[in-house]
Amino acid sequence: MMTSRRQFLQRACLATASMGCYSALGLQLNAFKAMASQARFSDHKALVCVFLYGGNDSFNMLIPTGSEAYAAYQTTRQGIAYPREGLIPIDLSLNDLPAHSMPRAMAPLAELFNTQRLSVVSNIGPLVEPATKQQLKADPNKLPPQLFSHNSQQALWQTAGINTQLGIGWLGLMADLLQDTQTNLPINISVGSSDILNSGVLQLPLVLNPNGPQDFARLNPSNTNDQQRIQAHQQLLALDHSPLTQEYARRITTARDNNEVLKQALSAAPPRTVNYPENNTLANQLRMVADMIAVQSSLQQSRQVFFVGLGGWDTHDNQPEQHPALLATLAEALSAFNTDIDALNKADNVTTVTLSDFGRTLTSNRDGTDHGWAGHQLVIGGAVRGGRIIGHLPEQRLNTQDDWDDGRIIPTTSIEQLAAALGAWFGLTDSELTTVLPNLNRFDATALQLFRSS
């Protein structure tokens, strides 16, 4: 995949517009630059975000198996309920919770849970502030905007209280604050496509395809036939002193230089020894993430943030066949990646988290589900306090205090709380977390306790 001049202009314009809008919100760009890191860490940590586009029916990832609870689940979920005999029990000895299981398609993830390498953050979603069902019914202003809309909810998940029109995400802002200002190589890296979550004020994400750095169409410095064209392009840019042209010139030159740095580092990387599943688009992306983690020392990146994604989770119909296949794709990819990270001796240094548009309705049309609100997310890594379901676990019943309507479950944990827990592990200070998450003070920032103490 090549990066075109048009794409670079679009990104440059987005960055310029975002900076202006963010300053208008009261955060001065110079102050933000002053907070940026200068190689303040001696250790290495990587945060990997896996976005499940379309809205994962995560309530069908964690299924109650006690007699009464399973009967209620089966009654509520109807045609999309998993048969009880096909479920894999999970070890809840670290939890004061009744019996639950995972679908057979999630067998590799059930194993990670049972070996305390994976935890579930339950019943999480966008919130304006903590509120009960009665409070939300009485005051619609307490509801997040445009609930149940794909684009809006994706933006809410990726911005966590920042103006969703800015194109700036909480992961990108973390990268801004932790970016080593002595290097031009961004620590925020997206594999496969660009995104809001990983875009900051100071840094746009470095976008790689699953096979490595993206070369420029007709401006590839590695191609000797392009050298004359590159020289002519640089001469043309030098003739125009307008701010936009100069910013474009700086970005395209930096990107060319970064590509060469990455190619050299990756070419010297040790050979991979872990087999990833074939015909698995998520596994292909995660393999490249593992490659980047393997060469982090030569890249001099003490912190790395990655974004990858998997689509197809909008299961309005054919869910009994479609959802298990998606879960298997997710589970096999995450399991291979976890094995690879172990082989790199980076288990305690890498944390992987899933995100998605929203959960789905508990109610079913017998073949699928509609857009919901809260859902469950997975957190994986050696530093994670694994084998736990963290947060309130709602009953899979209708008309409870958790049910907004038609089985759309009200979140009891906010996006900000998950982001804060990840950011604190990553090395952000309390004041930096407040900068990244402007609404964090509305919630208990320490509630999740996701990580083992160091």
Protein backbone atom coordinates (compact mmCIF):
# COMPACT_ATOMS: atom_id res chain seq x y z
CA MET A 1 0.00 0.00 0.00
CA MET A 2 1.46 3.36 -1.04
CA THR A 3 0.97 6.71 0.66
CA SER A 4 -0.09 9.37 -1.82
CA ARG A 5 0.49 13.12 -1.82
CA ARG A 6 -3.25 13.62 -1.32
CA GLN A 7 -3.23 11.48 1.84
CA PHE A 8 -0.34 13.47 3.27
CA LEU A 9 -2.04 16.77 2.57
CA GLN A 10 -5.20 15.50 4.25
CA ARG A 11 -3.25 14.43 7.32
CA ALA A 12 -1.33 17.70 7.49
CA CYS A 13 -4.56 19.71 7.23
CA LEU A 14 -6.18 17.54 9.91
CA ALA A 15 -3.26 18.11 12.27
CA THR A 16 -3.32 21.86 11.69
CA ALA A 17 -7.09 22.06 12.24
CA SER A 18 -6.89 19.86 15.33
CA MET A 19 -4.22 22.04 16.91
CA GLY A 20 -6.36 25.14 16.45
CA CYS A 21 -9.47 23.51 17.83
CA TYR A 22 -7.65 22.08 20.82
CA SER A 23 -6.20 25.48 21.67
CA ALA A 24 -9.70 26.90 21.45
CA LEU A 25 -10.73 24.44 24.14
CA GLY A 26 -8.23 25.98 26.49
CA LEU A 27 -5.20 23.70 26.06
CA GLN A 28 -2.35 25.75 24.62
CA LEU A 29 -0.15 23.86 22.21
CA ASN A 30 3.05 25.30 23.69
CA ALA A 31 2.06 24.08 27.13
CA PHE A 32 1.35 20.65 25.70
CA LYS A 33 4.77 20.59 24.03
CA ALA A 34 6.38 21.52 27.32
CA MET A 35 4.86 18.41 28.90
CA ALA A 36 6.28 16.11 26.22
CA SER A 37 8.74 13.50 27.38
CA GLN A 38 12.49 13.54 26.91
CA ALA A 39 13.43 9.89 27.32
CA ARG A 40 12.23 9.79 30.95
CA PHE A 41 11.89 5.99 31.12
CA SER A 42 14.59 3.36 31.41
CA ASP A 43 12.20 0.43 30.88
CA HIS A 44 10.02 -0.54 27.90
CA LYS A 45 6.24 -0.81 27.74
CA ALA A 46 3.87 -1.27 24.81
CA LEU A 47 0.11 -0.75 24.79
CA VAL A 48 -1.83 -2.52 22.01
CA CYS A 49 -5.46 -1.53 21.31
CA VAL A 50 -7.59 -3.91 19.24
CA PHE A 51 -10.73 -2.19 17.94
CA LEU A 52 -13.66 -4.48 17.03
CA TYR A 53 -15.59 -2.46 14.46
CA GLY A 54 -19.37 -2.83 14.35
CA GLY A 55 -20.24 -3.51 17.99
CA ASN A 56 -19.22 -6.82 19.53
CA ASP A 57 -21.95 -8.82 21.30
CA SER A 58 -19.65 -9.21 24.29
CA PHE A 59 -22.44 -10.42 26.58
CA ASN A 60 -22.20 -13.60 24.51
CA MET A 61 -18.51 -13.89 25.42
CA LEU A 62 -19.22 -14.36 29.13
CA ILE A 63 -22.17 -16.62 29.82
CA PRO A 64 -23.73 -17.56 33.20
CA THR A 65 -23.92 -21.32 33.64
CA GLY A 66 -25.73 -21.78 36.95
CA SER A 67 -29.08 -23.49 36.37
CA GLU A 68 -31.32 -20.49 37.08
CA ALA A 69 -28.98 -17.91 35.54
CA TYR A 70 -28.48 -19.93 32.36
CA ALA A 71 -32.24 -20.44 32.01
CA ALA A 72 -32.73 -16.65 32.22
CA TYR A 73 -29.92 -16.13 29.68
CA GLN A 74 -31.48 -18.63 27.29
CA THR A 75 -34.93 -17.05 27.65
CA THR A 76 -33.61 -13.53 27.06
CA ARG A 77 -31.21 -14.29 24.22
CA GLN A 78 -33.43 -16.84 22.45
CA GLY A 79 -31.98 -17.89 19.07
CA ILE A 80 -28.51 -16.49 19.71
CA ALA A 81 -27.95 -18.26 23.05
CA TYR A 82 -25.01 -20.65 23.06
CA PRO A 83 -25.88 -24.26 23.96
CA ARG A 84 -24.74 -24.99 27.47
CA GLU A 85 -22.90 -28.18 26.52
CA GLY A 86 -20.62 -26.27 24.13
CA LEU A 87 -19.25 -23.84 26.72
CA ILE A 88 -15.83 -23.77 28.41
CA PRO A 89 -15.89 -23.08 32.17
CA ILE A 90 -13.60 -20.35 33.44
CA ASP A 91 -11.90 -20.36 36.83
CA LEU A 92 -13.56 -17.73 39.01
CA SER A 93 -11.76 -18.67 42.21
CA LEU A 94 -10.35 -15.12 42.40
CA ASN A 95 -13.86 -13.66 42.07
CA ASP A 96 -16.91 -13.69 44.31
CA LEU A 97 -19.14 -14.55 41.37
CA PRO A 98 -21.39 -17.43 40.27
CA ALA A 99 -20.25 -19.84 37.54
CA HIS A 100 -19.60 -18.44 34.06
CA SER A 101 -18.20 -19.87 30.84
CA MET A 102 -16.91 -18.77 27.45
CA PRO A 103 -17.95 -20.10 24.02
CA ARG A 104 -15.81 -22.86 22.53
CA ALA A 105 -14.65 -20.43 19.84
CA MET A 106 -12.88 -18.51 22.61
CA ALA A 107 -10.95 -21.55 23.92
CA PRO A 108 -7.50 -19.87 23.61
CA LEU A 109 -8.78 -16.84 25.54
CA ALA A 110 -10.44 -19.03 28.19
CA GLU A 111 -7.02 -20.63 28.69
CA LEU A 112 -5.41 -17.20 29.11
CA PHE A 113 -8.11 -16.30 31.68
CA ASN A 114 -7.61 -19.55 33.58
CA THR A 115 -3.82 -19.06 33.65
CA GLN A 116 -4.33 -15.51 34.96
CA ARG A 117 -3.03 -13.70 31.88
CA LEU A 118 -6.41 -12.18 30.91
CA SER A 119 -9.09 -10.26 32.77
CA VAL A 120 -12.49 -8.97 31.68
CA VAL A 121 -13.52 -5.36 32.33
CA SER A 122 -17.27 -5.83 32.57
CA ASN A 123 -20.15 -3.53 31.73
CA ILE A 124 -18.13 -0.63 30.34
CA GLY A 125 -19.19 2.12 27.95
CA PRO A 126 -19.48 5.89 27.41
CA LEU A 127 -20.89 7.89 30.33
CA VAL A 128 -21.32 11.59 31.01
CA GLU A 129 -21.09 10.83 34.73
CA PRO A 130 -22.07 7.94 37.01
CA ALA A 131 -25.86 7.66 36.99
CA THR A 132 -28.60 5.20 37.84
CA LYS A 133 -31.40 4.21 35.50
CA GLN A 134 -33.80 6.53 37.33
CA GLN A 135 -31.39 9.47 37.08
CA LEU A 136 -30.87 8.89 33.37
CA LYS A 137 -34.63 8.67 32.74
CA ALA A 138 -35.21 11.88 34.71
CA ASP A 139 -32.43 13.90 33.04
CA PRO A 140 -31.65 13.16 29.36
CA ASN A 141 -28.64 15.51 29.60
CA LYS A 142 -26.89 12.76 31.53
CA LEU A 143 -26.99 10.54 28.43
CA PRO A 144 -23.99 10.48 26.05
CA PRO A 145 -24.79 12.02 22.66
CA GLN A 146 -26.10 9.92 19.78
CA LEU A 147 -26.19 6.62 21.60
CA PHE A 148 -26.37 3.46 19.45
CA SER A 149 -24.83 5.20 16.38
CA HIS A 150 -21.74 3.48 14.97
CA ASN A 151 -19.77 6.59 14.02
CA SER A 152 -20.64 8.56 17.15
CA GLN A 153 -19.95 5.72 19.55
CA GLN A 154 -16.67 4.84 17.85
CA ALA A 155 -15.68 8.48 18.23
CA LEU A 156 -16.71 8.51 21.91
CA TRP A 157 -14.67 5.38 22.61
CA GLN A 158 -11.65 6.80 20.84
CA THR A 159 -11.77 10.34 22.28
CA ALA A 160 -13.03 9.67 25.84
CA GLY A 161 -14.52 13.08 26.55
CA ILE A 162 -12.48 15.12 24.09
CA ASN A 163 -14.51 16.93 21.43
CA THR A 164 -15.28 14.15 18.93
CA GLN A 165 -14.94 16.54 15.98
CA LEU A 166 -11.23 17.18 16.59
CA GLY A 167 -9.87 13.91 15.28
CA ILE A 168 -7.74 13.54 18.45
CA GLY A 169 -7.76 10.39 20.59
CA TRP A 170 -6.73 9.58 24.14
CA LEU A 171 -4.11 7.11 22.99
CA GLY A 172 -2.60 9.72 20.67
CA LEU A 173 -2.47 12.26 23.50
CA MET A 174 -0.70 9.72 25.71
CA ALA A 175 1.81 9.25 22.90
CA ASP A 176 2.25 13.04 22.65
CA LEU A 177 3.16 13.24 26.32
CA LEU A 178 5.49 10.24 26.23
CA GLN A 179 7.09 10.88 22.84
CA ASP A 180 10.86 11.20 23.07
CA THR A 181 11.39 14.70 21.68
CA GLN A 182 14.90 13.76 20.55
CA THR A 183 13.60 11.56 17.72
CA ASN A 184 11.24 12.10 14.79
CA LEU A 185 9.95 8.53 14.86
CA PRO A 186 6.44 8.53 16.42
CA ILE A 187 5.73 6.06 19.19
CA ASN A 188 2.04 5.94 18.15
CA ILE A 189 1.81 3.30 15.44
CA SER A 190 -1.27 2.10 13.55
CA VAL A 191 -1.20 -1.08 11.49
CA GLY A 192 -3.57 -1.41 8.55
CA SER A 193 -5.32 1.97 8.68
CA SER A 194 -5.34 5.38 10.32
CA ASP A 195 -7.67 6.14 13.23
CA ILE A 196 -8.79 8.80 15.71
CA LEU A 197 -7.71 6.94 18.85
CA ASN A 198 -4.02 6.99 17.98
CA SER A 199 -3.91 10.57 16.62
CA GLY A 200 -2.46 13.23 18.89
CA VAL A 201 -1.94 16.98 18.83
CA LEU A 202 1.78 16.80 18.18
CA GLN A 203 2.01 13.46 16.41
CA LEU A 204 -0.08 11.73 13.78
CA PRO A 205 0.28 7.96 13.99
CA LEU A 206 2.91 6.20 11.95
CA VAL A 207 0.78 4.00 9.66
CA LEU A 208 2.23 0.64 8.61
CA ASN A 209 0.69 -2.08 6.52
CA PRO A 210 0.90 -5.64 7.89
CA ASN A 211 4.01 -6.24 5.80
CA GLY A 212 5.93 -3.22 7.03
CA PRO A 213 6.52 0.47 6.26
CA GLN A 214 4.55 2.05 3.42
CA ASP A 215 6.68 3.42 0.62
CA PHE A 216 5.76 6.54 -1.30
CA ALA A 217 4.27 6.11 -4.72
CA ARG A 218 6.93 7.43 -7.15
CA LEU A 219 8.93 8.98 -4.28
CA ASN A 220 10.58 5.92 -2.77
CA PRO A 221 14.19 6.69 -1.70
CA SER A 222 15.01 2.96 -1.81
CA ASN A 223 14.28 2.91 -5.54
CA THR A 224 17.20 4.29 -7.55
CA ASN A 225 14.82 5.14 -10.41
CA ASP A 226 13.00 7.58 -8.11
CA GLN A 227 16.03 9.66 -7.09
CA GLN A 228 15.71 12.22 -9.89
CA ARG A 229 12.00 12.55 -9.24
CA ILE A 230 12.60 13.06 -5.50
CA GLN A 231 15.17 15.79 -6.21
CA ALA A 232 12.77 17.59 -8.55
CA HIS A 233 9.96 17.30 -5.98
CA GLN A 234 12.16 18.83 -3.26
CA GLN A 235 13.16 21.70 -5.54
CA LEU A 236 9.51 22.48 -6.30
CA LEU A 237 8.65 22.49 -2.60
CA ALA A 238 11.52 24.85 -1.86
CA LEU A 239 10.05 27.43 -4.25
CA ASP A 240 6.87 27.79 -2.18
CA HIS A 241 7.28 29.37 1.26
CA SER A 242 3.62 29.17 2.33
CA PRO A 243 3.07 27.56 5.77
CA LEU A 244 0.99 24.69 4.37
CA THR A 245 3.58 23.79 1.74
CA GLN A 246 6.41 23.98 4.25
CA GLU A 247 4.50 21.79 6.70
CA TYR A 248 3.79 19.31 3.91
CA ALA A 249 7.47 19.30 2.93
CA ARG A 250 8.53 18.70 6.53
CA ARG A 251 6.09 15.86 6.99
CA ILE A 252 6.89 14.08 3.76
CA THR A 253 10.64 14.35 4.37
CA THR A 254 10.24 13.09 7.94
CA ALA A 255 8.07 10.20 6.77
CA ARG A 256 10.62 9.19 4.13
CA ASP A 257 13.38 9.26 6.75
CA ASN A 258 11.27 7.27 9.21
CA ASN A 259 10.53 4.63 6.60
CA GLU A 260 14.24 4.12 6.03
CA VAL A 261 14.92 3.87 9.77
CA LEU A 262 12.15 1.28 10.14
CA LYS A 263 13.29 -0.77 7.16
CA GLN A 264 16.80 -1.00 8.52
CA ALA A 265 15.61 -1.94 12.01
CA LEU A 266 13.14 -4.56 10.79
CA SER A 267 15.68 -6.10 8.40
CA ALA A 268 17.95 -6.76 11.39
CA ALA A 269 15.19 -8.21 13.54
CA PRO A 270 15.57 -11.80 14.77
CA PRO A 271 13.54 -14.35 12.79
CA ARG A 272 10.05 -14.99 14.11
CA THR A 273 9.53 -18.44 15.65
CA VAL A 274 5.78 -18.31 16.33
CA ASN A 275 3.23 -19.50 13.78
CA TYR A 276 0.32 -17.10 13.35
CA PRO A 277 -3.00 -18.40 11.94
CA GLU A 278 -3.35 -18.08 8.18
CA ASN A 279 -6.11 -16.05 6.49
CA ASN A 280 -6.53 -14.02 9.66
CA THR A 281 -6.36 -10.26 9.04
CA LEU A 282 -6.01 -9.43 12.72
CA ALA A 283 -3.18 -11.92 13.15
CA ASN A 284 -1.35 -10.31 10.23
CA GLN A 285 -1.57 -6.92 11.93
CA LEU A 286 -0.48 -8.27 15.30
CA ARG A 287 2.52 -10.01 13.73
CA MET A 288 3.75 -6.61 12.56
CA VAL A 289 3.15 -5.22 16.06
CA ALA A 290 5.31 -8.02 17.46
CA ASP A 291 8.01 -7.19 14.90
CA MET A 292 7.99 -3.55 16.02
CA ILE A 293 8.20 -4.59 19.67
CA ALA A 294 11.09 -6.91 18.84
CA VAL A 295 13.16 -4.01 17.47
CA GLN A 296 12.14 -1.33 19.99
CA SER A 297 15.62 -1.10 21.47
CA SER A 298 17.20 -0.26 18.10
CA LEU A 299 14.41 2.26 17.51
CA GLN A 300 15.12 3.72 20.97
CA GLN A 301 11.44 3.70 21.87
CA SER A 302 10.89 3.15 25.59
CA ARG A 303 7.13 3.48 25.02
CA GLN A 304 5.11 2.21 22.05
CA VAL A 305 1.37 2.48 21.42
CA PHE A 306 -0.28 0.40 18.71
CA PHE A 307 -3.70 0.38 17.08
CA VAL A 308 -5.10 -2.55 15.08
CA GLY A 309 -8.66 -3.39 14.08
CA LEU A 310 -11.04 -6.12 12.98
CA GLY A 311 -14.38 -5.44 11.29
CA GLY A 312 -17.58 -7.43 10.83
CA TRP A 313 -19.07 -7.26 14.34
CA ASP A 314 -22.38 -5.57 13.35
CA THR A 315 -24.37 -8.78 13.69
CA HIS A 316 -27.97 -7.79 12.93
CA ASP A 317 -28.50 -11.16 11.28
CA ASN A 318 -26.80 -14.52 10.90
CA GLN A 319 -25.22 -14.02 14.32
CA PRO A 320 -25.27 -17.71 15.36
CA GLU A 321 -22.80 -18.44 12.54
CA GLN A 322 -21.05 -15.08 12.19
CA HIS A 323 -20.23 -14.30 15.83
CA PRO A 324 -18.48 -17.59 16.69
CA ALA A 325 -16.35 -17.22 13.56
CA LEU A 326 -15.36 -13.68 14.60
CA LEU A 327 -14.60 -14.83 18.15
CA ALA A 328 -12.39 -17.60 16.76
CA THR A 329 -10.53 -15.09 14.56
CA LEU A 330 -10.02 -12.82 17.57
CA ALA A 331 -9.02 -15.61 19.96
CA GLU A 332 -6.55 -17.27 17.59
CA ALA A 333 -4.89 -13.95 16.70
CA LEU A 334 -4.58 -12.79 20.32
CA SER A 335 -3.32 -16.19 21.44
CA ALA A 336 -0.58 -16.27 18.77
CA PHE A 337 0.41 -12.70 19.61
CA ASN A 338 0.58 -13.52 23.33
CA THR A 339 2.81 -16.53 22.56
CA ASP A 340 5.04 -14.32 20.42
CA ILE A 341 5.34 -11.72 23.18
CA ASP A 342 6.32 -14.51 25.58
CA ALA A 343 8.99 -15.68 23.12
CA LEU A 344 10.37 -12.13 23.07
CA ASN A 345 10.53 -12.17 26.90
CA LYS A 346 8.19 -9.15 26.90
CA ALA A 347 5.21 -10.61 28.76
CA ASP A 348 5.29 -8.04 31.56
CA ASN A 349 6.04 -5.17 29.16
CA VAL A 350 3.07 -5.50 26.78
CA THR A 351 -0.63 -5.00 27.53
CA THR A 352 -3.36 -5.66 24.97
CA VAL A 353 -6.91 -4.31 25.29
CA THR A 354 -10.03 -4.70 23.14
CA LEU A 355 -12.44 -1.85 22.38
CA SER A 356 -15.65 -1.77 20.32
CA ASP A 357 -18.42 0.61 19.23
CA PHE A 358 -20.84 -0.69 21.87
CA GLY A 359 -22.30 -3.87 23.26
CA ARG A 360 -25.46 -5.24 21.71
CA THR A 361 -29.00 -5.79 22.92
CA LEU A 362 -29.76 -8.79 25.09
CA THR A 363 -32.94 -9.19 23.08
CA SER A 364 -32.75 -11.02 19.80
CA ASN A 365 -34.64 -11.22 16.53
CA ARG A 366 -33.73 -14.93 16.72
CA ASP A 367 -31.01 -14.38 14.10
CA GLY A 368 -29.15 -11.29 15.36
CA THR A 369 -29.03 -8.34 17.74
CA ASP A 370 -29.39 -4.57 17.60
CA HIS A 371 -27.06 -1.78 18.76
CA GLY A 372 -26.65 -1.66 22.51
CA TRP A 373 -24.69 0.37 25.06
CA ALA A 374 -22.45 -1.30 27.67
CA GLY A 375 -20.32 -4.34 26.98
CA HIS A 376 -17.27 -6.26 28.16
CA GLN A 377 -13.64 -5.67 27.12
CA LEU A 378 -10.59 -7.93 27.42
CA VAL A 379 -7.24 -6.92 28.92
CA ILE A 380 -4.28 -9.26 28.37
CA GLY A 381 -0.67 -9.22 29.58
CA GLY A 382 1.82 -10.44 32.12
CA ALA A 383 1.39 -7.31 34.23
CA VAL A 384 -2.41 -7.72 34.34
CA ARG A 385 -4.10 -9.04 37.47
CA GLY A 386 -5.51 -11.89 35.42
CA GLY A 387 -8.28 -14.37 36.04
CA ARG A 388 -10.67 -11.64 37.16
CA ILE A 389 -13.95 -10.11 36.05
CA ILE A 390 -13.47 -6.48 37.07
CA GLY A 391 -16.50 -4.26 37.57
CA HIS A 392 -20.22 -4.84 37.91
CA LEU A 393 -21.48 -7.96 36.12
CA PRO A 394 -25.14 -7.43 35.14
CA GLU A 395 -27.70 -10.18 34.96
CA GLN A 396 -28.70 -11.24 31.47
CA ARG A 397 -32.34 -10.44 32.15
CA LEU A 398 -34.70 -7.75 30.88
CA ASN A 399 -36.29 -4.93 32.91
CA THR A 400 -33.63 -4.86 35.62
CA GLN A 401 -31.93 -1.72 36.98
CA ASP A 402 -29.15 -2.41 34.45
CA ASP A 403 -31.51 -2.48 31.46
CA TRP A 404 -32.06 0.89 29.75
CA ASP A 405 -34.56 -0.60 27.29
CA ASP A 406 -34.86 -3.75 25.14
CA GLY A 407 -31.77 -5.22 26.76
CA ARG A 408 -29.48 -2.23 26.20
CA ILE A 409 -27.39 -2.39 29.35
CA ILE A 410 -26.34 0.80 31.18
CA PRO A 411 -22.56 1.03 31.76
CA THR A 412 -21.26 1.08 35.32
CA THR A 413 -17.63 1.63 34.29
CA SER A 414 -16.62 4.52 32.04
CA ILE A 415 -14.19 4.64 29.14
CA GLU A 416 -12.18 7.18 31.15
CA GLN A 417 -11.63 4.69 33.98
CA LEU A 418 -10.23 2.06 31.62
CA ALA A 419 -8.05 4.63 29.83
CA ALA A 420 -6.78 5.96 33.18
CA ALA A 421 -5.80 2.49 34.39
CA LEU A 422 -3.93 1.82 31.15
CA GLY A 423 -2.30 5.26 31.21
CA ALA A 424 -1.15 4.93 34.82
CA TRP A 425 0.48 1.57 34.05
CA PHE A 426 2.08 3.16 31.00
CA GLY A 427 3.75 5.82 33.13
CA LEU A 428 1.53 8.91 32.95
CA THR A 429 1.29 11.06 36.07
CA ASP A 430 -2.04 12.03 37.63
CA SER A 431 -1.84 15.51 36.09
CA GLU A 432 -1.06 14.03 32.67
CA LEU A 433 -4.03 11.69 32.94
CA THR A 434 -6.26 14.69 33.66
CA THR A 435 -4.85 16.41 30.57
CA VAL A 436 -5.57 13.38 28.40
CA LEU A 437 -8.98 12.64 29.98
CA PRO A 438 -10.73 15.96 30.72
CA ASN A 439 -13.75 14.27 32.36
CA LEU A 440 -11.79 11.84 34.50
CA ASN A 441 -12.56 13.81 37.70
CA ARG A 442 -16.21 12.73 37.38
CA PHE A 443 -15.23 9.10 38.02
CA ASP A 444 -13.12 7.05 40.41
CA ALA A 445 -9.85 6.85 38.46
CA THR A 446 -8.44 4.09 40.66
CA ALA A 447 -11.47 1.79 40.71
CA LEU A 448 -10.34 -0.89 38.26
CA GLN A 449 -7.01 -2.03 39.77
CA LEU A 450 -6.13 -3.81 36.53
CA PHE A 451 -2.43 -4.29 37.12
CA ARG A 452 -0.21 -6.06 39.60
CA SER A 453 1.86 -3.73 41.76
CA SER A 454 5.44 -3.47 40.52
